[in-house]
Protein backbone atom coordinates (compact mmCIF):
# COMPACT_ATOMS: atom_id res chain seq x y z
CA MET A 1 26.13 9.85 -7.09
CA ARG A 2 22.62 8.48 -6.53
CA GLY A 3 19.94 10.23 -8.52
CA SER A 4 22.25 11.64 -11.17
CA GLY A 5 20.65 9.76 -14.04
CA ALA A 6 21.67 7.15 -16.56
CA GLY A 7 25.14 7.40 -18.05
CA PHE A 8 26.50 9.67 -15.32
CA PHE A 9 30.01 8.78 -14.21
CA GLY A 10 31.26 9.97 -10.87
CA VAL A 11 34.07 9.18 -8.46
CA VAL A 12 33.84 9.75 -4.72
CA THR A 13 37.11 11.30 -3.56
CA ARG A 14 36.15 12.25 -0.03
CA PHE A 15 33.67 10.89 2.52
CA GLN A 16 32.93 12.32 5.96
CA LEU A 17 31.13 10.35 8.66
CA SER A 18 30.00 11.70 12.02
CA ALA A 19 29.47 9.17 14.81
CA HIS A 20 27.24 9.82 17.80
CA LYS A 21 27.19 8.10 21.17
CA LEU A 22 24.41 5.63 21.77
CA PRO A 23 21.73 6.78 24.19
CA ALA A 24 21.81 5.34 27.70
CA VAL A 25 18.42 3.71 27.15
CA MET A 26 16.73 2.42 24.01
CA LYS A 27 13.14 1.22 23.91
CA HIS A 28 11.15 -0.71 21.33
CA SER A 29 7.39 -1.14 21.36
CA ALA A 30 5.34 -3.19 18.93
CA TYR A 31 1.58 -3.17 18.63
CA VAL A 32 -0.46 -5.43 16.36
CA TYR A 33 -3.78 -4.35 14.87
CA GLY A 34 -6.20 -6.06 12.51
CA GLU A 35 -7.17 -4.78 9.08
CA GLU A 36 -10.46 -3.45 10.43
CA VAL A 37 -8.65 -0.45 11.96
CA LEU A 38 -6.34 0.22 9.00
CA GLU A 39 -7.83 3.60 8.04
CA GLU A 40 -7.97 4.75 11.67
CA LEU A 41 -4.34 3.71 12.20
CA PHE A 42 -3.07 5.66 9.18
CA THR A 43 -5.17 8.71 10.12
CA TRP A 44 -3.75 8.64 13.65
CA ALA A 45 -0.17 8.29 12.36
CA ARG A 46 -0.57 11.16 9.88
CA ASN A 47 -1.98 13.40 12.62
CA ILE A 48 0.81 12.86 15.14
CA VAL A 49 3.88 12.53 12.90
CA GLY A 50 4.65 16.25 13.22
CA GLU A 51 4.59 16.05 17.02
CA VAL A 52 6.91 13.06 17.39
CA PRO A 53 10.38 14.01 18.69
CA PRO A 54 13.24 13.59 16.18
CA PHE A 55 14.75 10.75 18.22
CA VAL A 56 11.60 8.61 17.84
CA GLU A 57 11.20 6.53 14.68
CA MET A 58 7.66 5.56 13.73
CA VAL A 59 7.41 2.46 11.55
CA ILE A 60 4.25 0.83 10.22
CA THR A 61 4.67 -2.56 8.59
CA SER A 62 2.20 -5.09 7.28
CA THR A 63 2.22 -8.85 7.08
CA ALA A 64 -0.05 -11.51 5.70
CA HIS A 65 1.25 -14.21 8.04
CA ASN A 66 0.56 -15.01 11.67
CA GLU A 67 3.06 -15.83 14.43
CA ASN A 68 3.39 -19.43 13.13
CA GLY A 69 4.18 -18.33 9.59
CA ASP A 70 0.80 -19.45 8.25
CA TRP A 71 -1.18 -17.24 5.88
CA ALA A 72 -3.51 -14.85 7.71
CA PRO A 73 -5.47 -11.71 6.80
CA LEU A 74 -3.50 -8.47 6.56
CA ARG A 75 -2.27 -7.18 9.91
CA MET A 76 -0.63 -3.87 10.69
CA CYS A 77 2.19 -3.84 13.27
């Protein structure tokens, strides 16, 4: 009922879930870049997002902490 607005009452009476087999191989890659390439990183991501296969998930996250948990300048991973 998400998105129906305030005061909307709804009851879910049926739910269908489709399960899929896990792929034989899963891969994860992480790259860390400094804030000096922020604009270039977002431009690159916007340009290739339409070419990425549907089974690939692109995620860009940011942090203000280094590997030790101490404050550090913004980094894009």
